[in-house]
């Protein structure tokens, strides 16, 4: 069984719509996750999840990139 760790970066929402951003690590390999959740009667009525492997900024955009708190900007390898 894979070793899993979840790090919640942010949860934000209001009323019936909430969004969470997390880093999910499976056996030490991180993946970024965003979940959009809709609630009705105190329960999740719909959820959409997006996943992405970490990637660096391409050279053409490195000067435009800003790190999120606690992270650093990596260059993308071509």
N, C-alpha and C. Protein backbone atom coordinates (compact mmCIF):
# COMPACT_ATOMS: atom_id res chain seq x y z
N UNK A 1 0.84 -1.17 0.00
CA UNK A 1 0.00 0.00 0.00
C UNK A 1 0.89 1.25 0.00
N UNK A 2 0.51 2.24 -0.79
CA UNK A 2 1.29 3.48 -0.91
C UNK A 2 1.20 4.30 0.38
N UNK A 3 2.31 4.93 0.73
CA UNK A 3 2.32 5.85 1.86
C UNK A 3 1.81 7.20 1.36
N UNK A 4 0.76 7.72 1.99
CA UNK A 4 0.13 8.95 1.54
C UNK A 4 0.21 10.02 2.61
N UNK A 5 0.45 11.24 2.18
CA UNK A 5 0.45 12.40 3.07
C UNK A 5 -0.30 13.53 2.38
N UNK A 6 -1.12 14.24 3.15
CA UNK A 6 -1.89 15.35 2.62
C UNK A 6 -1.48 16.62 3.35
N UNK A 7 -1.18 17.67 2.59
CA UNK A 7 -0.87 18.97 3.15
C UNK A 7 -1.89 19.96 2.59
N UNK A 8 -2.71 20.51 3.46
CA UNK A 8 -3.71 21.48 3.03
C UNK A 8 -3.03 22.85 2.93
N UNK A 9 -3.08 23.45 1.74
CA UNK A 9 -2.48 24.76 1.52
C UNK A 9 -3.48 25.88 1.78
N UNK A 10 -4.73 25.65 1.38
CA UNK A 10 -5.74 26.69 1.55
C UNK A 10 -7.13 26.09 1.39
N UNK A 11 -8.05 26.57 2.20
CA UNK A 11 -9.48 26.27 2.05
C UNK A 11 -10.19 27.62 2.06
N UNK A 12 -10.99 27.84 1.03
CA UNK A 12 -11.67 29.12 0.93
C UNK A 12 -13.04 28.92 0.32
N UNK A 13 -14.01 29.63 0.82
CA UNK A 13 -15.34 29.53 0.26
C UNK A 13 -16.34 30.32 1.06
N UNK A 14 -17.58 30.16 0.65
CA UNK A 14 -18.67 30.83 1.32
C UNK A 14 -19.96 30.11 0.95
N UNK A 15 -20.86 30.00 1.92
CA UNK A 15 -22.16 29.39 1.63
C UNK A 15 -22.01 27.96 1.16
N UNK A 16 -22.51 27.69 -0.04
CA UNK A 16 -22.54 26.31 -0.53
C UNK A 16 -21.39 25.97 -1.46
N UNK A 17 -20.43 26.89 -1.69
CA UNK A 17 -19.32 26.62 -2.61
C UNK A 17 -17.98 26.83 -1.90
N UNK A 18 -17.15 25.79 -1.88
CA UNK A 18 -15.85 25.82 -1.20
C UNK A 18 -14.79 25.21 -2.11
N UNK A 19 -13.55 25.73 -1.99
CA UNK A 19 -12.42 25.25 -2.78
C UNK A 19 -11.27 24.94 -1.84
N UNK A 20 -10.62 23.81 -2.05
CA UNK A 20 -9.43 23.47 -1.26
C UNK A 20 -8.26 23.21 -2.20
N UNK A 21 -7.07 23.63 -1.75
CA UNK A 21 -5.83 23.36 -2.47
C UNK A 21 -4.95 22.52 -1.56
N UNK A 22 -4.44 21.41 -2.08
CA UNK A 22 -3.63 20.48 -1.27
C UNK A 22 -2.44 19.97 -2.07
N UNK A 23 -1.46 19.49 -1.33
CA UNK A 23 -0.38 18.69 -1.93
C UNK A 23 -0.57 17.28 -1.40
N UNK A 24 -0.69 16.34 -2.30
CA UNK A 24 -0.86 14.94 -1.93
C UNK A 24 0.41 14.21 -2.33
N UNK A 25 1.05 13.57 -1.37
CA UNK A 25 2.28 12.82 -1.66
C UNK A 25 1.99 11.33 -1.57
N UNK A 26 2.30 10.61 -2.63
CA UNK A 26 2.20 9.16 -2.66
C UNK A 26 3.61 8.61 -2.72
N UNK A 27 4.01 7.92 -1.68
CA UNK A 27 5.37 7.37 -1.60
C UNK A 27 6.42 8.44 -1.88
N UNK A 28 6.20 9.65 -1.38
CA UNK A 28 7.16 10.74 -1.50
C UNK A 28 7.07 11.56 -2.76
N UNK A 29 6.24 11.17 -3.72
CA UNK A 29 6.10 11.93 -4.97
C UNK A 29 4.90 12.87 -4.84
N UNK A 30 5.14 14.21 -4.88
CA UNK A 30 4.05 15.16 -4.68
C UNK A 30 3.20 15.36 -5.92
N UNK A 31 1.93 15.65 -5.69
CA UNK A 31 0.99 16.01 -6.74
C UNK A 31 0.10 17.11 -6.16
N UNK A 32 -0.19 18.12 -6.95
CA UNK A 32 -1.04 19.21 -6.49
C UNK A 32 -2.49 18.88 -6.80
N UNK A 33 -3.38 19.26 -5.89
CA UNK A 33 -4.79 18.95 -6.03
C UNK A 33 -5.63 20.18 -5.70
N UNK A 34 -6.66 20.40 -6.49
CA UNK A 34 -7.67 21.42 -6.21
C UNK A 34 -9.02 20.72 -6.23
N UNK A 35 -9.81 20.92 -5.17
CA UNK A 35 -11.15 20.35 -5.10
C UNK A 35 -12.16 21.48 -5.02
N UNK A 36 -13.17 21.42 -5.86
CA UNK A 36 -14.28 22.36 -5.82
C UNK A 36 -15.49 21.60 -5.31
N UNK A 37 -16.02 22.04 -4.18
CA UNK A 37 -17.11 21.30 -3.53
C UNK A 37 -18.36 22.17 -3.41
N UNK A 38 -19.49 21.57 -3.75
CA UNK A 38 -20.78 22.22 -3.58
C UNK A 38 -21.52 21.47 -2.47
N UNK A 39 -22.14 22.21 -1.57
CA UNK A 39 -22.84 21.62 -0.44
C UNK A 39 -24.34 21.90 -0.53
N UNK A 40 -25.12 20.94 -0.06
CA UNK A 40 -26.57 21.09 0.07
C UNK A 40 -26.99 20.31 1.31
N UNK A 41 -27.76 20.94 2.16
CA UNK A 41 -28.24 20.31 3.39
C UNK A 41 -27.10 19.76 4.24
N UNK A 42 -25.97 20.47 4.30
CA UNK A 42 -24.85 20.07 5.13
C UNK A 42 -24.02 18.92 4.60
N UNK A 43 -24.26 18.53 3.35
CA UNK A 43 -23.51 17.43 2.74
C UNK A 43 -22.95 17.86 1.39
N UNK A 44 -21.90 17.19 0.97
CA UNK A 44 -21.33 17.48 -0.36
C UNK A 44 -22.31 16.96 -1.41
N UNK A 45 -22.77 17.85 -2.27
CA UNK A 45 -23.70 17.44 -3.33
C UNK A 45 -22.98 17.23 -4.66
N UNK A 46 -21.81 17.88 -4.82
CA UNK A 46 -21.03 17.71 -6.03
C UNK A 46 -19.58 18.09 -5.73
N UNK A 47 -18.63 17.34 -6.29
CA UNK A 47 -17.22 17.65 -6.11
C UNK A 47 -16.48 17.39 -7.41
N UNK A 48 -15.62 18.33 -7.78
CA UNK A 48 -14.75 18.18 -8.93
C UNK A 48 -13.32 18.33 -8.43
N UNK A 49 -12.44 17.41 -8.83
CA UNK A 49 -11.05 17.44 -8.40
C UNK A 49 -10.14 17.54 -9.61
N UNK A 50 -9.08 18.35 -9.45
CA UNK A 50 -8.07 18.50 -10.48
C UNK A 50 -6.72 18.14 -9.86
N UNK A 51 -5.88 17.44 -10.62
CA UNK A 51 -4.57 17.01 -10.15
C UNK A 51 -3.50 17.42 -11.16
N UNK A 52 -2.32 17.80 -10.65
CA UNK A 52 -1.21 18.15 -11.54
C UNK A 52 0.10 17.80 -10.85
N UNK A 53 1.03 17.28 -11.62
CA UNK A 53 2.38 17.06 -11.11
C UNK A 53 3.08 18.41 -11.04
N UNK A 54 4.01 18.58 -10.10
CA UNK A 54 4.73 19.85 -10.02
C UNK A 54 5.56 20.09 -11.28
N UNK A 55 5.69 21.34 -11.67
CA UNK A 55 6.51 21.69 -12.83
C UNK A 55 7.10 23.08 -12.62
N UNK A 56 8.22 23.31 -13.23
CA UNK A 56 8.88 24.60 -13.12
C UNK A 56 8.38 25.57 -14.16
N UNK A 57 8.78 26.83 -14.01
CA UNK A 57 8.42 27.85 -14.98
C UNK A 57 9.35 27.75 -16.19
N UNK A 58 8.80 27.82 -17.42
CA UNK A 58 9.67 27.82 -18.60
C UNK A 58 10.50 29.11 -18.63
N UNK A 59 11.65 29.06 -19.29
CA UNK A 59 12.55 30.21 -19.34
C UNK A 59 11.85 31.49 -19.77
N UNK A 60 10.93 31.41 -20.72
CA UNK A 60 10.24 32.60 -21.23
C UNK A 60 9.36 33.26 -20.17
N UNK A 61 8.99 32.52 -19.12
CA UNK A 61 8.10 33.08 -18.09
C UNK A 61 8.74 33.16 -16.71
N UNK A 62 10.00 32.78 -16.57
CA UNK A 62 10.62 32.72 -15.25
C UNK A 62 10.60 34.08 -14.56
N UNK A 63 10.74 35.18 -15.31
CA UNK A 63 10.73 36.50 -14.68
C UNK A 63 9.33 36.92 -14.24
N UNK A 64 8.31 36.28 -14.76
CA UNK A 64 6.93 36.60 -14.39
C UNK A 64 6.43 35.74 -13.22
N UNK A 65 7.13 34.68 -12.93
CA UNK A 65 6.68 33.74 -11.91
C UNK A 65 6.93 34.29 -10.51
N UNK A 66 5.97 34.06 -9.63
CA UNK A 66 6.10 34.43 -8.22
C UNK A 66 5.86 33.18 -7.38
N UNK A 67 6.74 32.90 -6.44
CA UNK A 67 6.52 31.70 -5.62
C UNK A 67 5.37 31.90 -4.65
N UNK A 68 4.64 30.85 -4.41
CA UNK A 68 3.63 30.87 -3.36
C UNK A 68 4.35 30.76 -2.03
N UNK A 69 3.76 31.24 -0.94
CA UNK A 69 4.44 31.16 0.36
C UNK A 69 4.92 29.74 0.66
N UNK A 70 6.17 29.62 1.08
CA UNK A 70 6.73 28.33 1.43
C UNK A 70 7.24 27.52 0.26
N UNK A 71 7.22 28.09 -0.95
CA UNK A 71 7.69 27.36 -2.13
C UNK A 71 8.76 28.17 -2.84
N UNK A 72 9.48 27.53 -3.73
CA UNK A 72 10.47 28.21 -4.55
C UNK A 72 10.16 27.94 -6.01
N UNK A 73 10.63 28.81 -6.86
CA UNK A 73 10.39 28.66 -8.31
C UNK A 73 11.52 27.83 -8.89
N UNK A 74 11.16 26.82 -9.63
CA UNK A 74 12.15 25.98 -10.31
C UNK A 74 12.06 26.24 -11.81
N UNK A 75 13.18 26.11 -12.47
CA UNK A 75 13.19 26.22 -13.92
C UNK A 75 12.72 24.90 -14.52
N UNK A 76 11.96 25.01 -15.59
CA UNK A 76 11.49 23.82 -16.31
C UNK A 76 12.62 23.32 -17.17
N UNK A 77 12.85 22.01 -17.14
CA UNK A 77 13.89 21.42 -17.97
C UNK A 77 13.33 21.08 -19.34
N UNK A 78 14.00 21.52 -20.40
CA UNK A 78 13.53 21.26 -21.76
C UNK A 78 14.05 19.94 -22.25
